[in-house]
Amino acid sequence: MNQKAAEEFVQGFSDYVKTNGFIPQQVFNCDETGLFWKKMPRRTYITEEEKALPGHNPMKDRLTLLLRRNASRDFEIEPLPVYHLENPRMFKKKKTM
């Protein structure tokens, strides 16, 4: 990671916020995270024999959530689900098997 570039961005953004007169309640942060909502815990009471049975595949259904909160941490917007395309546009030119 380029530490100098990161510090310059933080300083530049701080100057931008001060110049335009924004208050912490107006500055929001947004990030996404993955939630495996059907996945079993790593440690379960399933025996090794049951795991080895044919057709036993752990569920890996994943949901991507968008989380948002303002800089003063007094206003948090409820998580927003982000849906995935089966064939994302960025891989359109890449041939898949």
N, C-alpha and C. Protein backbone atom coordinates (compact mmCIF):
# COMPACT_ATOMS: atom_id res chain seq x y z
N MET A 1 0.84 -1.18 0.00
CA MET A 1 0.00 0.00 0.00
C MET A 1 0.88 1.25 0.00
N ASN A 2 0.49 2.24 -0.74
CA ASN A 2 1.25 3.48 -0.84
C ASN A 2 0.83 4.40 0.31
N GLN A 3 1.61 4.42 1.37
CA GLN A 3 1.29 5.18 2.57
C GLN A 3 1.21 6.68 2.28
N LYS A 4 2.13 7.18 1.48
CA LYS A 4 2.16 8.62 1.18
C LYS A 4 0.90 9.04 0.43
N ALA A 5 0.49 8.25 -0.56
CA ALA A 5 -0.72 8.57 -1.33
C ALA A 5 -1.97 8.54 -0.44
N ALA A 6 -2.01 7.57 0.49
CA ALA A 6 -3.15 7.48 1.41
C ALA A 6 -3.21 8.70 2.32
N GLU A 7 -2.07 9.13 2.83
CA GLU A 7 -2.04 10.31 3.70
C GLU A 7 -2.44 11.57 2.93
N GLU A 8 -1.98 11.68 1.67
CA GLU A 8 -2.34 12.83 0.85
C GLU A 8 -3.84 12.86 0.57
N PHE A 9 -4.43 11.69 0.33
CA PHE A 9 -5.87 11.64 0.09
C PHE A 9 -6.64 12.07 1.33
N VAL A 10 -6.24 11.57 2.49
CA VAL A 10 -6.93 11.93 3.74
C VAL A 10 -6.84 13.44 3.96
N GLN A 11 -5.68 14.02 3.76
CA GLN A 11 -5.51 15.45 3.94
C GLN A 11 -6.33 16.24 2.92
N GLY A 12 -6.30 15.81 1.66
CA GLY A 12 -7.07 16.47 0.61
C GLY A 12 -8.56 16.40 0.87
N PHE A 13 -9.04 15.24 1.32
CA PHE A 13 -10.47 15.09 1.61
C PHE A 13 -10.86 15.95 2.81
N SER A 14 -10.00 15.99 3.82
CA SER A 14 -10.26 16.82 5.00
C SER A 14 -10.34 18.29 4.61
N ASP A 15 -9.43 18.73 3.75
CA ASP A 15 -9.47 20.12 3.27
C ASP A 15 -10.74 20.39 2.48
N TYR A 16 -11.16 19.45 1.65
CA TYR A 16 -12.38 19.59 0.85
C TYR A 16 -13.61 19.75 1.75
N VAL A 17 -13.67 18.92 2.80
CA VAL A 17 -14.81 18.97 3.73
C VAL A 17 -14.84 20.32 4.45
N LYS A 18 -13.68 20.79 4.90
CA LYS A 18 -13.61 22.07 5.61
C LYS A 18 -13.93 23.24 4.68
N THR A 19 -13.40 23.21 3.45
CA THR A 19 -13.61 24.29 2.49
C THR A 19 -15.09 24.45 2.15
N ASN A 20 -15.80 23.33 1.99
CA ASN A 20 -17.21 23.38 1.61
C ASN A 20 -18.14 23.47 2.81
N GLY A 21 -17.60 23.50 4.00
CA GLY A 21 -18.41 23.69 5.20
C GLY A 21 -19.28 22.50 5.58
N PHE A 22 -18.85 21.29 5.23
CA PHE A 22 -19.62 20.12 5.62
C PHE A 22 -19.44 19.84 7.11
N ILE A 23 -20.48 19.32 7.73
CA ILE A 23 -20.39 18.90 9.13
C ILE A 23 -20.36 17.37 9.15
N PRO A 24 -19.91 16.75 10.24
CA PRO A 24 -19.79 15.29 10.28
C PRO A 24 -21.10 14.55 9.96
N GLN A 25 -22.24 15.16 10.23
CA GLN A 25 -23.52 14.52 9.94
C GLN A 25 -23.78 14.42 8.43
N GLN A 26 -23.05 15.20 7.62
CA GLN A 26 -23.24 15.20 6.17
C GLN A 26 -22.23 14.33 5.43
N VAL A 27 -21.23 13.83 6.12
CA VAL A 27 -20.19 13.02 5.48
C VAL A 27 -20.48 11.55 5.78
N PHE A 28 -20.68 10.76 4.71
CA PHE A 28 -21.04 9.35 4.87
C PHE A 28 -19.93 8.45 4.36
N ASN A 29 -19.84 7.28 4.97
CA ASN A 29 -18.94 6.22 4.53
C ASN A 29 -19.80 5.06 4.07
N CYS A 30 -19.36 4.40 3.02
CA CYS A 30 -20.11 3.30 2.46
C CYS A 30 -19.14 2.16 2.17
N ASP A 31 -19.51 0.94 2.54
CA ASP A 31 -18.65 -0.21 2.30
C ASP A 31 -19.53 -1.43 2.08
N GLU A 32 -19.00 -2.42 1.41
CA GLU A 32 -19.77 -3.63 1.19
C GLU A 32 -19.09 -4.81 1.87
N THR A 33 -19.91 -5.78 2.26
CA THR A 33 -19.41 -6.97 2.91
C THR A 33 -20.22 -8.16 2.45
N GLY A 34 -19.65 -9.35 2.58
CA GLY A 34 -20.35 -10.57 2.18
C GLY A 34 -20.93 -11.27 3.39
N LEU A 35 -22.12 -11.81 3.22
CA LEU A 35 -22.78 -12.56 4.28
C LEU A 35 -23.16 -13.92 3.71
N PHE A 36 -22.56 -14.99 4.27
CA PHE A 36 -22.91 -16.35 3.86
C PHE A 36 -24.09 -16.77 4.75
N TRP A 37 -25.28 -16.66 4.22
CA TRP A 37 -26.46 -16.84 5.06
C TRP A 37 -26.97 -18.26 5.14
N LYS A 38 -26.44 -19.17 4.37
CA LYS A 38 -26.84 -20.57 4.49
C LYS A 38 -25.67 -21.47 4.85
N LYS A 39 -24.53 -20.92 5.08
CA LYS A 39 -23.34 -21.73 5.34
C LYS A 39 -23.35 -22.24 6.78
N MET A 40 -23.01 -23.51 6.91
CA MET A 40 -22.94 -24.13 8.23
C MET A 40 -21.67 -23.68 8.93
N PRO A 41 -21.66 -23.65 10.25
CA PRO A 41 -20.44 -23.32 10.97
C PRO A 41 -19.35 -24.36 10.70
N ARG A 42 -18.11 -23.96 10.89
CA ARG A 42 -17.00 -24.88 10.65
C ARG A 42 -17.04 -26.07 11.62
N ARG A 43 -17.37 -25.79 12.85
CA ARG A 43 -17.43 -26.85 13.85
C ARG A 43 -18.89 -27.24 14.05
N THR A 44 -19.23 -28.45 13.67
CA THR A 44 -20.59 -28.95 13.89
C THR A 44 -20.49 -30.36 14.46
N TYR A 45 -21.62 -30.90 14.78
CA TYR A 45 -21.66 -32.26 15.32
C TYR A 45 -21.93 -33.29 14.22
N ILE A 46 -21.62 -32.95 12.98
CA ILE A 46 -21.75 -33.90 11.88
C ILE A 46 -20.50 -34.76 11.87
N THR A 47 -20.70 -36.06 11.80
CA THR A 47 -19.55 -36.97 11.82
C THR A 47 -18.83 -36.93 10.48
N GLU A 48 -17.59 -37.41 10.50
CA GLU A 48 -16.79 -37.48 9.27
C GLU A 48 -17.47 -38.38 8.23
N GLU A 49 -18.14 -39.44 8.71
CA GLU A 49 -18.82 -40.35 7.79
C GLU A 49 -19.97 -39.63 7.07
N GLU A 50 -20.71 -38.82 7.82
CA GLU A 50 -21.81 -38.08 7.20
C GLU A 50 -21.30 -37.05 6.20
N LYS A 51 -20.15 -36.43 6.50
CA LYS A 51 -19.57 -35.46 5.59
C LYS A 51 -19.11 -36.11 4.30
N ALA A 52 -18.69 -37.39 4.39
CA ALA A 52 -18.15 -38.10 3.23
C ALA A 52 -19.25 -38.67 2.33
N LEU A 53 -20.50 -38.60 2.75
CA LEU A 53 -21.59 -39.14 1.93
C LEU A 53 -21.69 -38.40 0.61
N PRO A 54 -22.05 -39.12 -0.48
CA PRO A 54 -22.19 -38.44 -1.76
C PRO A 54 -23.33 -37.42 -1.71
N GLY A 55 -23.11 -36.33 -2.36
CA GLY A 55 -24.14 -35.28 -2.40
C GLY A 55 -24.08 -34.32 -1.25
N HIS A 56 -23.14 -34.50 -0.33
CA HIS A 56 -23.04 -33.57 0.80
C HIS A 56 -22.14 -32.41 0.41
N ASN A 57 -22.74 -31.31 0.04
CA ASN A 57 -21.99 -30.10 -0.27
C ASN A 57 -22.47 -28.99 0.65
N PRO A 58 -21.55 -28.30 1.30
CA PRO A 58 -21.99 -27.21 2.15
C PRO A 58 -22.60 -26.08 1.32
N MET A 59 -23.66 -25.50 1.83
CA MET A 59 -24.30 -24.37 1.14
C MET A 59 -23.41 -23.15 1.27
N LYS A 60 -23.28 -22.43 0.18
CA LYS A 60 -22.42 -21.26 0.18
C LYS A 60 -23.16 -20.05 -0.40
N ASP A 61 -24.46 -20.00 -0.20
CA ASP A 61 -25.22 -18.88 -0.73
C ASP A 61 -24.74 -17.60 -0.07
N ARG A 62 -24.31 -16.67 -0.89
CA ARG A 62 -23.72 -15.44 -0.39
C ARG A 62 -24.59 -14.25 -0.77
N LEU A 63 -24.71 -13.34 0.15
CA LEU A 63 -25.44 -12.11 -0.08
C LEU A 63 -24.48 -10.96 0.19
N THR A 64 -24.41 -10.01 -0.72
CA THR A 64 -23.54 -8.86 -0.52
C THR A 64 -24.38 -7.73 0.05
N LEU A 65 -23.90 -7.15 1.14
CA LEU A 65 -24.61 -6.06 1.80
C LEU A 65 -23.82 -4.77 1.69
N LEU A 66 -24.52 -3.68 1.49
CA LEU A 66 -23.92 -2.36 1.45
C LEU A 66 -24.24 -1.68 2.79
N LEU A 67 -23.20 -1.30 3.52
CA LEU A 67 -23.36 -0.68 4.84
C LEU A 67 -22.98 0.79 4.75
N ARG A 68 -23.79 1.67 5.37
CA ARG A 68 -23.55 3.11 5.29
C ARG A 68 -23.78 3.76 6.66
N ARG A 69 -22.91 4.73 6.98
CA ARG A 69 -23.02 5.45 8.24
C ARG A 69 -22.34 6.81 8.07
N ASN A 70 -22.80 7.81 8.81
CA ASN A 70 -22.16 9.12 8.70
C ASN A 70 -20.97 9.23 9.66
N ALA A 71 -20.17 10.28 9.46
CA ALA A 71 -18.92 10.43 10.21
C ALA A 71 -19.15 10.67 11.70
N SER A 72 -20.28 11.24 12.07
CA SER A 72 -20.54 11.47 13.49
C SER A 72 -21.10 10.23 14.18
N ARG A 73 -21.37 9.17 13.42
CA ARG A 73 -21.86 7.89 13.91
C ARG A 73 -23.21 7.97 14.60
N ASP A 74 -24.00 8.97 14.28
CA ASP A 74 -25.32 9.07 14.90
C ASP A 74 -26.44 8.71 13.93
N PHE A 75 -26.09 8.39 12.67
CA PHE A 75 -27.09 8.03 11.68
C PHE A 75 -26.56 6.88 10.83
N GLU A 76 -27.21 5.74 10.99
CA GLU A 76 -26.81 4.55 10.24
C GLU A 76 -27.99 4.10 9.39
N ILE A 77 -27.76 3.94 8.10
CA ILE A 77 -28.80 3.51 7.19
C ILE A 77 -28.82 1.99 7.19
N GLU A 78 -30.02 1.40 7.15
CA GLU A 78 -30.09 -0.06 7.21
C GLU A 78 -29.36 -0.69 6.03
N PRO A 79 -28.79 -1.88 6.23
CA PRO A 79 -28.02 -2.54 5.17
C PRO A 79 -28.85 -2.72 3.90
N LEU A 80 -28.21 -2.49 2.78
CA LEU A 80 -28.86 -2.61 1.48
C LEU A 80 -28.30 -3.84 0.78
N PRO A 81 -29.16 -4.81 0.40
CA PRO A 81 -28.64 -5.98 -0.33
C PRO A 81 -28.25 -5.59 -1.76
N VAL A 82 -27.11 -6.12 -2.20
CA VAL A 82 -26.62 -5.89 -3.56
C VAL A 82 -26.67 -7.24 -4.26
N TYR A 83 -27.37 -7.29 -5.36
CA TYR A 83 -27.54 -8.56 -6.07
C TYR A 83 -26.44 -8.75 -7.10
N HIS A 84 -26.09 -10.01 -7.34
CA HIS A 84 -25.04 -10.35 -8.30
C HIS A 84 -25.66 -10.78 -9.62
N LEU A 85 -24.99 -10.42 -10.68
CA LEU A 85 -25.38 -10.92 -12.00
C LEU A 85 -24.74 -12.28 -12.21
N GLU A 86 -25.40 -13.13 -12.94
CA GLU A 86 -24.83 -14.44 -13.21
C GLU A 86 -23.58 -14.30 -14.08
N ASN A 87 -23.62 -13.38 -15.04
CA ASN A 87 -22.47 -13.10 -15.90
C ASN A 87 -22.14 -11.62 -15.78
N PRO A 88 -21.26 -11.25 -14.84
CA PRO A 88 -20.94 -9.84 -14.66
C PRO A 88 -20.40 -9.20 -15.94
N ARG A 89 -20.74 -7.96 -16.15
CA ARG A 89 -20.35 -7.23 -17.35
C ARG A 89 -18.84 -7.15 -17.52
N MET A 90 -18.12 -7.07 -16.40
CA MET A 90 -16.66 -6.92 -16.49
C MET A 90 -15.99 -8.18 -17.07
N PHE A 91 -16.67 -9.34 -17.02
CA PHE A 91 -16.11 -10.56 -17.57
C PHE A 91 -16.73 -10.92 -18.92
N LYS A 92 -17.41 -9.98 -19.54
CA LYS A 92 -18.13 -10.25 -20.77
C LYS A 92 -17.21 -10.77 -21.87
N LYS A 93 -16.02 -10.20 -22.01
CA LYS A 93 -15.10 -10.59 -23.07
C LYS A 93 -14.35 -11.88 -22.75
N LYS A 94 -14.32 -12.26 -21.49
CA LYS A 94 -13.59 -13.46 -21.08
C LYS A 94 -14.48 -14.68 -21.31
N LYS A 95 -13.94 -15.67 -21.99
CA LYS A 95 -14.68 -16.91 -22.24
C LYS A 95 -14.64 -17.76 -20.98
N THR A 96 -15.80 -18.30 -20.59
CA THR A 96 -15.86 -19.19 -19.43
C THR A 96 -16.15 -20.61 -19.90
N MET A 97 -15.78 -21.57 -19.09
CA MET A 97 -16.00 -22.98 -19.46
C MET A 97 -17.42 -23.36 -19.22
